[in-house]
PDB file of N, CA and C in Angstrom:
ATOM      1  N   MET A   1      -3.549  12.638   0.342  1.00  0.00           N
ATOM      2  CA  MET A   1      -2.546  11.845   0.014  1.00  0.00           C
ATOM      3  C   MET A   1      -2.753  11.135  -1.311  1.00  0.00           C
ATOM      4  N   PRO A   2      -3.905  10.546  -1.576  1.00  0.00           N
ATOM      5  CA  PRO A   2      -4.001  10.002  -2.903  1.00  0.00           C
ATOM      6  C   PRO A   2      -3.774  10.752  -4.026  1.00  0.00           C
ATOM      7  N   LEU A   3      -4.125  12.044  -3.922  1.00  0.00           N
ATOM      8  CA  LEU A   3      -3.824  12.669  -5.104  1.00  0.00           C
ATOM      9  C   LEU A   3      -2.245  13.092  -5.379  1.00  0.00           C
ATOM     10  N   MET A   4      -1.469  12.995  -4.251  1.00  0.00           N
ATOM     11  CA  MET A   4      -0.153  13.126  -4.389  1.00  0.00           C
ATOM     12  C   MET A   4       0.494  11.897  -5.047  1.00  0.00           C
ATOM     13  N   VAL A   5      -0.201  10.578  -4.772  1.00  0.00           N
ATOM     14  CA  VAL A   5       0.240   9.381  -5.150  1.00  0.00           C
ATOM     15  C   VAL A   5       0.032   9.176  -6.691  1.00  0.00           C
ATOM     16  N   MET A   6      -1.261   9.849  -7.170  1.00  0.00           N
ATOM     17  CA  MET A   6      -1.883   9.716  -8.472  1.00  0.00           C
ATOM     18  C   MET A   6      -0.712  10.622  -9.243  1.00  0.00           C
ATOM     19  N   MET A   7      -0.325  11.860  -8.839  1.00  0.00           N
ATOM     20  CA  MET A   7       0.476  12.724  -9.644  1.00  0.00           C
ATOM     21  C   MET A   7       2.008  11.848  -9.779  1.00  0.00           C
ATOM     22  N   ALA A   8       2.351  11.227  -8.805  1.00  0.00           N
ATOM     23  CA  ALA A   8       3.658  10.497  -9.035  1.00  0.00           C
ATOM     24  C   ALA A   8       3.401   9.352  -9.900  1.00  0.00           C
ATOM     25  N   ALA A   9       2.275   8.670  -9.963  1.00  0.00           N
ATOM     26  CA  ALA A   9       2.021   7.573 -10.485  1.00  0.00           C
ATOM     27  C   ALA A   9       1.763   7.865 -12.125  1.00  0.00           C
ATOM     28  N   VAL A  10       1.342   9.080 -12.548  1.00  0.00           N
ATOM     29  CA  VAL A  10       1.120   9.395 -13.676  1.00  0.00           C
ATOM     30  C   VAL A  10       2.407   9.470 -14.616  1.00  0.00           C
ATOM     31  N   PHE A  11       3.493   9.806 -13.838  1.00  0.00           N
ATOM     32  CA  PHE A  11       4.769   9.956 -14.554  1.00  0.00           C
ATOM     33  C   PHE A  11       5.451   8.663 -14.770  1.00  0.00           C
ATOM     34  N   THR A  12       5.185   7.679 -13.844  1.00  0.00           N
ATOM     35  CA  THR A  12       5.826   6.327 -14.089  1.00  0.00           C
ATOM     36  C   THR A  12       4.806   5.308 -14.660  1.00  0.00           C
ATOM     37  N   LYS A  13       3.604   5.640 -14.742  1.00  0.00           N
ATOM     38  CA  LYS A  13       2.698   4.745 -15.420  1.00  0.00           C
ATOM     39  C   LYS A  13       1.738   5.458 -16.418  1.00  0.00           C
ATOM     40  N   PRO A  14       2.434   5.793 -17.561  1.00  0.00           N
ATOM     41  CA  PRO A  14       1.591   6.624 -18.534  1.00  0.00           C
ATOM     42  C   PRO A  14       0.376   6.025 -19.071  1.00  0.00           C
ATOM     43  N   ASP A  15       0.226   4.783 -18.902  1.00  0.00           N
ATOM     44  CA  ASP A  15      -0.998   4.137 -19.293  1.00  0.00           C
ATOM     45  C   ASP A  15      -2.263   4.714 -18.663  1.00  0.00           C
ATOM     46  N   LEU A  16      -2.059   5.379 -17.484  1.00  0.00           N
ATOM     47  CA  LEU A  16      -3.102   6.004 -16.835  1.00  0.00           C
ATOM     48  C   LEU A  16      -3.866   7.103 -17.616  1.00  0.00           C
ATOM     49  N   VAL A  17      -3.019   7.762 -18.354  1.00  0.00           N
ATOM     50  CA  VAL A  17      -3.620   8.808 -19.153  1.00  0.00           C
ATOM     51  C   VAL A  17      -3.483   8.786 -20.662  1.00  0.00           C
ATOM     52  N   ALA A  18      -2.458   7.881 -21.219  1.00  0.00           N
ATOM     53  CA  ALA A  18      -2.340   7.918 -22.551  1.00  0.00           C
ATOM     54  C   ALA A  18      -3.118   6.772 -23.194  1.00  0.00           C
ATOM     55  N   VAL A  19      -3.628   5.794 -22.460  1.00  0.00           N
ATOM     56  CA  VAL A  19      -4.370   4.790 -23.130  1.00  0.00           C
ATOM     57  C   VAL A  19      -5.860   4.788 -22.711  1.00  0.00           C
ATOM     58  N   PRO A  20      -6.728   4.961 -23.721  1.00  0.00           N
ATOM     59  CA  PRO A  20      -8.127   5.016 -23.433  1.00  0.00           C
ATOM     60  C   PRO A  20      -8.763   3.655 -23.012  1.00  0.00           C
ATOM     61  N   GLY A  21      -9.880   3.817 -22.207  1.00  0.00           N
ATOM     62  CA  GLY A  21     -10.618   2.686 -22.024  1.00  0.00           C
ATOM     63  C   GLY A  21     -10.212   1.734 -21.028  1.00  0.00           C
ATOM     64  N   LEU A  22     -10.599   0.385 -21.231  1.00  0.00           N
ATOM     65  CA  LEU A  22     -10.241  -0.612 -20.392  1.00  0.00           C
ATOM     66  C   LEU A  22      -8.819  -0.932 -20.211  1.00  0.00           C
ATOM     67  N   ALA A  23      -8.040  -0.527 -21.037  1.00  0.00           N
ATOM     68  CA  ALA A  23      -6.581  -0.855 -21.002  1.00  0.00           C
ATOM     69  C   ALA A  23      -5.990  -0.084 -19.983  1.00  0.00           C
ATOM     70  N   GLN A  24      -6.594   0.973 -19.186  1.00  0.00           N
ATOM     71  CA  GLN A  24      -6.087   1.569 -18.055  1.00  0.00           C
ATOM     72  C   GLN A  24      -6.172   0.779 -16.773  1.00  0.00           C
ATOM     73  N   ILE A  25      -7.048  -0.200 -16.784  1.00  0.00           N
ATOM     74  CA  ILE A  25      -7.283  -0.889 -15.590  1.00  0.00           C
ATOM     75  C   ILE A  25      -6.165  -1.614 -14.971  1.00  0.00           C
ATOM     76  N   PRO A  26      -5.233  -2.192 -15.652  1.00  0.00           N
ATOM     77  CA  PRO A  26      -4.151  -2.772 -14.977  1.00  0.00           C
ATOM     78  C   PRO A  26      -3.151  -1.683 -14.247  1.00  0.00           C
ATOM     79  N   ALA A  27      -2.947  -0.736 -15.006  1.00  0.00           N
ATOM     80  CA  ALA A  27      -2.212   0.480 -14.151  1.00  0.00           C
ATOM     81  C   ALA A  27      -3.032   0.986 -12.940  1.00  0.00           C
ATOM     82  N   PHE A  28      -4.362   1.128 -13.156  1.00  0.00           N
ATOM     83  CA  PHE A  28      -5.017   1.624 -12.094  1.00  0.00           C
ATOM     84  C   PHE A  28      -5.172   0.796 -10.742  1.00  0.00           C
ATOM     85  N   LEU A  29      -5.021  -0.502 -11.128  1.00  0.00           N
ATOM     86  CA  LEU A  29      -5.149  -1.453  -9.873  1.00  0.00           C
ATOM     87  C   LEU A  29      -3.646  -1.537  -9.190  1.00  0.00           C
ATOM     88  N   ILE A  30      -2.704  -1.324 -10.025  1.00  0.00           N
ATOM     89  CA  ILE A  30      -1.318  -1.258  -9.451  1.00  0.00           C
ATOM     90  C   ILE A  30      -1.297   0.093  -8.532  1.00  0.00           C
ATOM     91  N   VAL A  31      -1.721   1.195  -8.989  1.00  0.00           N
ATOM     92  CA  VAL A  31      -1.824   2.383  -8.116  1.00  0.00           C
ATOM     93  C   VAL A  31      -2.727   2.275  -6.922  1.00  0.00           C
ATOM     94  N   VAL A  32      -3.948   1.649  -6.997  1.00  0.00           N
ATOM     95  CA  VAL A  32      -4.846   1.600  -6.024  1.00  0.00           C
ATOM     96  C   VAL A  32      -4.082   0.716  -4.984  1.00  0.00           C
ATOM     97  N   ALA A  33      -3.634  -0.388  -5.335  1.00  0.00           N
ATOM     98  CA  ALA A  33      -2.826  -1.301  -4.197  1.00  0.00           C
ATOM     99  C   ALA A  33      -1.838  -0.555  -3.398  1.00  0.00           C
ATOM    100  N   ALA A  34      -1.162   0.321  -4.235  1.00  0.00           N
ATOM    101  CA  ALA A  34      -0.082   1.157  -3.684  1.00  0.00           C
ATOM    102  C   ALA A  34      -0.718   2.087  -2.635  1.00  0.00           C
ATOM    103  N   THR A  35      -1.637   2.683  -3.029  1.00  0.00           N
ATOM    104  CA  THR A  35      -2.243   3.973  -2.321  1.00  0.00           C
ATOM    105  C   THR A  35      -2.930   3.346  -1.072  1.00  0.00           C
ATOM    106  N   VAL A  36      -3.603   2.221  -1.155  1.00  0.00           N
ATOM    107  CA  VAL A  36      -4.278   1.620  -0.041  1.00  0.00           C
ATOM    108  C   VAL A  36      -3.181   1.166   0.931  1.00  0.00           C
ATOM    109  N   THR A  37      -2.013   0.634   0.583  1.00  0.00           N
ATOM    110  CA  THR A  37      -0.773   0.244   1.322  1.00  0.00           C
ATOM    111  C   THR A  37      -0.278   1.528   2.193  1.00  0.00           C
ATOM    112  N   LEU A  38       0.037   2.539   1.304  1.00  0.00           N
ATOM    113  CA  LEU A  38       0.463   3.747   1.930  1.00  0.00           C
ATOM    114  C   LEU A  38      -0.382   4.333   2.952  1.00  0.00           C
ATOM    115  N   SER A  39      -1.685   4.397   2.761  1.00  0.00           N
ATOM    116  CA  SER A  39      -2.599   4.942   3.727  1.00  0.00           C
ATOM    117  C   SER A  39      -2.737   4.032   5.013  1.00  0.00           C
ATOM    118  N   LEU A  40      -2.613   2.788   4.964  1.00  0.00           N
ATOM    119  CA  LEU A  40      -2.472   1.858   5.863  1.00  0.00           C
ATOM    120  C   LEU A  40      -1.141   2.008   6.709  1.00  0.00           C
ATOM    121  N   ALA A  41      -0.060   2.217   6.050  1.00  0.00           N
ATOM    122  CA  ALA A  41       1.343   2.424   6.707  1.00  0.00           C
ATOM    123  C   ALA A  41       1.378   3.626   7.570  1.00  0.00           C
ATOM    124  N   PHE A  42       0.767   4.779   6.931  1.00  0.00           N
ATOM    125  CA  PHE A  42       0.829   5.963   7.598  1.00  0.00           C
ATOM    126  C   PHE A  42      -0.196   6.136   8.871  1.00  0.00           C
ATOM    127  N   GLN A  43      -1.413   5.466   8.788  1.00  0.00           N
ATOM    128  CA  GLN A  43      -2.435   5.530   9.601  1.00  0.00           C
ATOM    129  C   GLN A  43      -2.660   4.303  10.585  1.00  0.00           C
ATOM    130  N   GLY A  44      -2.129   3.109  10.438  1.00  0.00           N
ATOM    131  CA  GLY A  44      -2.264   2.007  11.015  1.00  0.00           C
ATOM    132  C   GLY A  44      -1.376   1.758  12.214  1.00  0.00           C
ATOM    133  N   SER A  45      -1.751   0.799  13.107  1.00  0.00           N
ATOM    134  CA  SER A  45      -0.863   0.627  14.097  1.00  0.00           C
ATOM    135  C   SER A  45      -0.834  -1.030  14.125  1.00  0.00           C
ATOM    136  N   PHE A  46       0.389  -1.566  14.317  1.00  0.00           N
ATOM    137  CA  PHE A  46       0.610  -3.031  13.942  1.00  0.00           C
ATOM    138  C   PHE A  46       1.113  -3.798  15.165  1.00  0.00           C
ATOM    139  N   ALA A  47       1.735  -3.049  16.093  1.00  0.00           N
ATOM    140  CA  ALA A  47       2.308  -3.844  17.280  1.00  0.00           C
ATOM    141  C   ALA A  47       2.296  -2.889  18.476  1.00  0.00           C
ATOM    142  N   THR A  48       2.429  -3.528  19.674  1.00  0.00           N
ATOM    143  CA  THR A  48       2.508  -2.689  20.959  1.00  0.00           C
ATOM    144  C   THR A  48       3.809  -2.162  21.023  1.00  0.00           C
ATOM    145  N   SER A  49       4.928  -2.854  20.528  1.00  0.00           N
ATOM    146  CA  SER A  49       6.225  -2.310  20.625  1.00  0.00           C
ATOM    147  C   SER A  49       6.374  -1.300  19.383  1.00  0.00           C
ATOM    148  N   ARG A  50       6.950  -0.047  19.945  1.00  0.00           N
ATOM    149  CA  ARG A  50       7.154   0.991  19.017  1.00  0.00           C
ATOM    150  C   ARG A  50       8.042   0.701  17.910  1.00  0.00           C
ATOM    151  N   MET A  51       9.109  -0.102  18.274  1.00  0.00           N
ATOM    152  CA  MET A  51      10.196  -0.396  17.220  1.00  0.00           C
ATOM    153  C   MET A  51       9.658  -1.341  16.165  1.00  0.00           C
ATOM    154  N   LEU A  52       8.941  -2.303  16.563  1.00  0.00           N
ATOM    155  CA  LEU A  52       8.264  -3.294  15.673  1.00  0.00           C
ATOM    156  C   LEU A  52       7.160  -2.506  14.776  1.00  0.00           C
ATOM    157  N   ASP A  53       6.368  -1.685  15.395  1.00  0.00           N
ATOM    158  CA  ASP A  53       5.544  -0.984  14.773  1.00  0.00           C
ATOM    159  C   ASP A  53       6.068  -0.112  13.567  1.00  0.00           C
ATOM    160  N   TRP A  54       7.056   0.555  13.898  1.00  0.00           N
ATOM    161  CA  TRP A  54       7.655   1.419  12.754  1.00  0.00           C
ATOM    162  C   TRP A  54       8.413   0.648  11.864  1.00  0.00           C
ATOM    163  N   ALA A  55       8.952  -0.552  12.212  1.00  0.00           N
ATOM    164  CA  ALA A  55       9.752  -1.560  11.231  1.00  0.00           C
ATOM    165  C   ALA A  55       8.716  -1.901  10.119  1.00  0.00           C
ATOM    166  N   VAL A  56       7.309  -2.344  10.715  1.00  0.00           N
ATOM    167  CA  VAL A  56       6.232  -2.723   9.872  1.00  0.00           C
ATOM    168  C   VAL A  56       5.870  -1.607   8.917  1.00  0.00           C
ATOM    169  N   ARG A  57       5.691  -0.516   9.462  1.00  0.00           N
ATOM    170  CA  ARG A  57       5.225   0.727   8.578  1.00  0.00           C
ATOM    171  C   ARG A  57       6.481   0.996   7.692  1.00  0.00           C
ATOM    172  N   LEU A  58       7.714   0.853   7.885  1.00  0.00           N
ATOM    173  CA  LEU A  58       8.721   1.255   6.987  1.00  0.00           C
ATOM    174  C   LEU A  58       8.853   0.139   5.741  1.00  0.00           C
ATOM    175  N   VAL A  59       8.407  -1.095   6.132  1.00  0.00           N
ATOM    176  CA  VAL A  59       8.311  -2.153   5.153  1.00  0.00           C
ATOM    177  C   VAL A  59       7.077  -1.908   4.187  1.00  0.00           C
ATOM    178  N   LEU A  60       6.045  -1.508   4.809  1.00  0.00           N
ATOM    179  CA  LEU A  60       4.811  -1.215   4.009  1.00  0.00           C
ATOM    180  C   LEU A  60       5.083  -0.035   3.083  1.00  0.00           C
ATOM    181  N   ILE A  61       5.900   0.978   3.559  1.00  0.00           N
ATOM    182  CA  ILE A  61       5.941   2.262   2.732  1.00  0.00           C
ATOM    183  C   ILE A  61       7.115   1.840   1.667  1.00  0.00           C
ATOM    184  N   VAL A  62       8.067   0.946   1.930  1.00  0.00           N
ATOM    185  CA  VAL A  62       8.943   0.776   0.779  1.00  0.00           C
ATOM    186  C   VAL A  62       8.226  -0.047  -0.222  1.00  0.00           C
ATOM    187  N   ILE A  63       7.384  -0.998   0.069  1.00  0.00           N
ATOM    188  CA  ILE A  63       6.749  -1.942  -1.000  1.00  0.00           C
ATOM    189  C   ILE A  63       5.880  -1.066  -1.832  1.00  0.00           C
ATOM    190  N   ALA A  64       5.135   0.011  -1.070  1.00  0.00           N
ATOM    191  CA  ALA A  64       4.197   0.847  -1.848  1.00  0.00           C
ATOM    192  C   ALA A  64       5.093   1.810  -2.811  1.00  0.00           C
ATOM    193  N   LEU A  65       5.920   2.332  -2.307  1.00  0.00           N
ATOM    194  CA  LEU A  65       6.797   3.161  -3.090  1.00  0.00           C
ATOM    195  C   LEU A  65       7.553   2.456  -4.301  1.00  0.00           C
ATOM    196  N   VAL A  66       7.792   1.198  -4.072  1.00  0.00           N
ATOM    197  CA  VAL A  66       8.389   0.486  -5.277  1.00  0.00           C
ATOM    198  C   VAL A  66       7.212   0.347  -6.259  1.00  0.00           C
ATOM    199  N   THR A  67       6.042  -0.084  -5.820  1.00  0.00           N
ATOM    200  CA  THR A  67       4.925  -0.212  -6.603  1.00  0.00           C
ATOM    201  C   THR A  67       4.659   1.055  -7.485  1.00  0.00           C
ATOM    202  N   ILE A  68       4.695   2.121  -6.725  1.00  0.00           N
ATOM    203  CA  ILE A  68       4.372   3.411  -7.519  1.00  0.00           C
ATOM    204  C   ILE A  68       5.437   3.966  -8.384  1.00  0.00           C
ATOM    205  N   LEU A  69       6.688   3.982  -7.945  1.00  0.00           N
ATOM    206  CA  LEU A  69       7.830   4.612  -8.676  1.00  0.00           C
ATOM    207  C   LEU A  69       8.442   3.669  -9.600  1.00  0.00           C
ATOM    208  N   SER A  70       8.156   2.485  -9.715  1.00  0.00           N
ATOM    209  CA  SER A  70       8.802   1.472 -10.647  1.00  0.00           C
ATOM    210  C   SER A  70       8.275   1.722 -11.963  1.00  0.00           C
ATOM    211  N   PRO A  71       9.102   2.025 -12.978  1.00  0.00           N
ATOM    212  CA  PRO A  71       8.489   2.222 -14.450  1.00  0.00           C
ATOM    213  C   PRO A  71       8.503   0.860 -15.225  1.00  0.00           C
ATOM    214  N   ASP A  72       9.023  -0.109 -14.593  1.00  0.00           N
ATOM    215  CA  ASP A  72       9.059  -1.472 -15.118  1.00  0.00           C
ATOM    216  C   ASP A  72       7.661  -2.162 -14.762  1.00  0.00           C
ATOM    217  N   ARG A  73       6.807  -2.668 -15.596  1.00  0.00           N
ATOM    218  CA  ARG A  73       5.566  -3.084 -15.559  1.00  0.00           C
ATOM    219  C   ARG A  73       5.636  -4.527 -14.606  1.00  0.00           C
ATOM    220  N   THR A  74       6.667  -5.235 -14.904  1.00  0.00           N
ATOM    221  CA  THR A  74       6.893  -6.507 -14.183  1.00  0.00           C
ATOM    222  C   THR A  74       7.112  -6.226 -12.698  1.00  0.00           C
ATOM    223  N   ILE A  75       8.092  -5.452 -12.449  1.00  0.00           N
ATOM    224  CA  ILE A  75       8.376  -5.178 -10.949  1.00  0.00           C
ATOM    225  C   ILE A  75       7.354  -4.466 -10.177  1.00  0.00           C
ATOM    226  N   ALA A  76       6.623  -3.456 -10.925  1.00  0.00           N
ATOM    227  CA  ALA A  76       5.410  -2.888 -10.319  1.00  0.00           C
ATOM    228  C   ALA A  76       4.242  -3.997 -10.090  1.00  0.00           C
ATOM    229  N   THR A  77       4.082  -4.854 -10.994  1.00  0.00           N
ATOM    230  CA  THR A  77       3.064  -5.863 -10.698  1.00  0.00           C
ATOM    231  C   THR A  77       3.415  -6.750  -9.574  1.00  0.00           C
ATOM    232  N   ILE A  78       4.543  -7.208  -9.423  1.00  0.00           N
ATOM    233  CA  ILE A  78       5.075  -8.071  -8.327  1.00  0.00           C
ATOM    234  C   ILE A  78       4.874  -7.310  -7.096  1.00  0.00           C
ATOM    235  N   ALA A  79       5.370  -6.054  -6.884  1.00  0.00           N
ATOM    236  CA  ALA A  79       5.336  -5.048  -5.851  1.00  0.00           C
ATOM    237  C   ALA A  79       3.879  -4.773  -5.463  1.00  0.00           C
ATOM    238  N   ALA A  80       3.012  -4.769  -6.564  1.00  0.00           N
ATOM    239  CA  ALA A  80       1.482  -4.418  -6.204  1.00  0.00           C
ATOM    240  C   ALA A  80       0.780  -5.674  -5.630  1.00  0.00           C
ATOM    241  N   VAL A  81       1.411  -6.976  -5.972  1.00  0.00           N
ATOM    242  CA  VAL A  81       0.684  -8.244  -5.308  1.00  0.00           C
ATOM    243  C   VAL A  81       1.241  -8.132  -3.828  1.00  0.00           C
ATOM    244  N   LEU A  82       2.472  -8.027  -3.727  1.00  0.00           N
ATOM    245  CA  LEU A  82       3.076  -7.991  -2.405  1.00  0.00           C
ATOM    246  C   LEU A  82       2.393  -6.821  -1.485  1.00  0.00           C
ATOM    247  N   SER A  83       2.099  -5.770  -2.203  1.00  0.00           N
ATOM    248  CA  SER A  83       1.440  -4.727  -1.467  1.00  0.00           C
ATOM    249  C   SER A  83      -0.078  -4.991  -0.967  1.00  0.00           C
ATOM    250  N   ALA A  84      -0.688  -5.792  -1.970  1.00  0.00           N
ATOM    251  CA  ALA A  84      -2.006  -6.190  -1.503  1.00  0.00           C
ATOM    252  C   ALA A  84      -2.041  -7.294  -0.455  1.00  0.00           C
ATOM    253  N   LEU A  85      -1.087  -8.248  -0.548  1.00  0.00           N
ATOM    254  CA  LEU A  85      -0.926  -9.118   0.655  1.00  0.00           C
ATOM    255  C   LEU A  85      -0.577  -8.529   1.944  1.00  0.00           C
ATOM    256  N   ALA A  86       0.225  -7.526   1.868  1.00  0.00           N
ATOM    257  CA  ALA A  86       0.898  -6.928   2.973  1.00  0.00           C
ATOM    258  C   ALA A  86      -0.339  -6.089   3.661  1.00  0.00           C
ATOM    259  N   THR A  87      -1.253  -5.519   2.772  1.00  0.00           N
ATOM    260  CA  THR A  87      -2.316  -4.826   3.279  1.00  0.00           C
ATOM    261  C   THR A  87      -3.261  -5.725   4.006  1.00  0.00           C
ATOM    262  N   VAL A  88      -3.513  -6.750   3.476  1.00  0.00           N
ATOM    263  CA  VAL A  88      -4.455  -7.855   4.035  1.00  0.00           C
ATOM    264  C   VAL A  88      -3.850  -8.211   5.390  1.00  0.00           C
ATOM    265  N   VAL A  89      -2.624  -8.474   5.504  1.00  0.00           N
ATOM    266  CA  VAL A  89      -1.926  -9.063   6.689  1.00  0.00           C
ATOM    267  C   VAL A  89      -1.926  -7.970   7.796  1.00  0.00           C
ATOM    268  N   GLY A  90      -1.820  -6.709   7.157  1.00  0.00           N
ATOM    269  CA  GLY A  90      -1.686  -5.550   8.192  1.00  0.00           C
ATOM    270  C   GLY A  90      -3.061  -5.182   8.723  1.00  0.00           C
ATOM    271  N   PHE A  91      -4.112  -5.363   7.855  1.00  0.00           N
ATOM    272  CA  PHE A  91      -5.438  -5.227   8.428  1.00  0.00           C
ATOM    273  C   PHE A  91      -5.780  -6.236   9.514  1.00  0.00           C
ATOM    274  N   TYR A  92      -5.397  -7.518   9.367  1.00  0.00           N
ATOM    275  CA  TYR A  92      -5.442  -8.523  10.275  1.00  0.00           C
ATOM    276  C   TYR A  92      -4.730  -8.314  11.553  1.00  0.00           C
ATOM    277  N   ALA A  93      -3.513  -7.741  11.328  1.00  0.00           N
ATOM    278  CA  ALA A  93      -2.568  -7.508  12.496  1.00  0.00           C
ATOM    279  C   ALA A  93      -3.325  -6.401  13.453  1.00  0.00           C
ATOM    280  N   MET A  94      -3.920  -5.291  12.806  1.00  0.00           N
ATOM    281  CA  MET A  94      -4.516  -4.271  13.349  1.00  0.00           C
ATOM    282  C   MET A  94      -5.798  -4.664  14.157  1.00  0.00           C
ATOM    283  N   GLN A  95      -6.565  -5.468  13.423  1.00  0.00           N
ATOM    284  CA  GLN A  95      -7.602  -6.007  14.104  1.00  0.00           C
ATOM    285  C   GLN A  95      -7.311  -6.810  15.220  1.00  0.00           C
ATOM    286  N   ARG A  96      -6.316  -7.745  15.316  1.00  0.00           N
ATOM    287  CA  ARG A  96      -5.872  -8.620  16.361  1.00  0.00           C
ATOM    288  C   ARG A  96      -5.307  -7.636  17.610  1.00  0.00           C
ATOM    289  N   LEU A  97      -4.525  -6.576  17.196  1.00  0.00           N
ATOM    290  CA  LEU A  97      -4.150  -5.681  18.181  1.00  0.00           C
ATOM    291  C   LEU A  97      -5.346  -4.976  18.913  1.00  0.00           C
ATOM    292  N   PHE A  98      -6.317  -4.521  18.195  1.00  0.00           N
ATOM    293  CA  PHE A  98      -7.333  -3.728  18.840  1.00  0.00           C
ATOM    294  C   PHE A  98      -8.291  -4.659  19.611  1.00  0.00           C
ATOM    295  N   ARG A  99      -8.333  -5.927  19.239  1.00  0.00           N
ATOM    296  CA  ARG A  99      -9.177  -6.821  20.029  1.00  0.00           C
ATOM    297  C   ARG A  99      -8.403  -7.216  21.249  1.00  0.00           C
ATOM    298  N   LYS A 100      -7.027  -7.117  21.286  1.00  0.00           N
ATOM    299  CA  LYS A 100      -6.323  -7.476  22.588  1.00  0.00           C
ATOM    300  C   LYS A 100      -6.581  -6.245  23.481  1.00  0.00           C
ATOM    301  N   SER A 101      -6.303  -4.940  23.033  1.00  0.00           N
ATOM    302  CA  SER A 101      -6.556  -3.766  23.793  1.00  0.00           C
ATOM    303  C   SER A 101      -7.999  -3.673  24.313  1.00  0.00           C
ATOM    304  N   ALA A 102      -8.960  -4.009  23.472  1.00  0.00           N
ATOM    305  CA  ALA A 102     -10.328  -4.049  23.961  1.00  0.00           C
ATOM    306  C   ALA A 102     -10.632  -4.816  25.129  1.00  0.00           C
ATOM    307  N   LEU A 103      -9.952  -6.071  25.004  1.00  0.00           N
ATOM    308  CA  LEU A 103     -10.212  -7.021  26.155  1.00  0.00           C
ATOM    309  C   LEU A 103      -9.471  -6.584  27.473  1.00  0.00           C
ATOM    310  N   LYS A 104      -8.223  -5.976  27.292  1.00  0.00           N
ATOM    311  CA  LYS A 104      -7.614  -5.341  28.538  1.00  0.00           C
ATOM    312  C   LYS A 104      -8.464  -4.290  29.135  1.00  0.00           C
ATOM    313  N   ALA A 105      -9.059  -3.364  28.242  1.00  0.00           N
ATOM    314  CA  ALA A 105      -9.863  -2.282  28.823  1.00  0.00           C
ATOM    315  C   ALA A 105     -11.026  -2.819  29.605  1.00  0.00           C
ATOM    316  N   ALA A 106     -11.659  -3.924  29.121  1.00  0.00           N
ATOM    317  CA  ALA A 106     -12.908  -4.490  29.639  1.00  0.00           C
ATOM    318  C   ALA A 106     -12.870  -5.095  30.899  1.00  0.00           C
TER     319      ALA A 106
END
């Protein structure tokens, strides 16, 4: 999946290939934030309710796709910050969910 994300990102973020050196880092960080969020959305579990779980996944996917596919640097940066925050909150929600299920199993 990260390779497919990178292929799409190269077309919307030409700084990844056209600008040499450290000037690539902002575009790289935007793409990394979106890639991690997409991975979390596809592989994570956020709620015991199926509808809520899919709703959270859909929101994460939309935020990540806006981050990757937006050619405007400002919109992509705002979406990347939202993407990073959503990833942190998503990991916290997954950890809490798994702790609850582990306590029930014990």
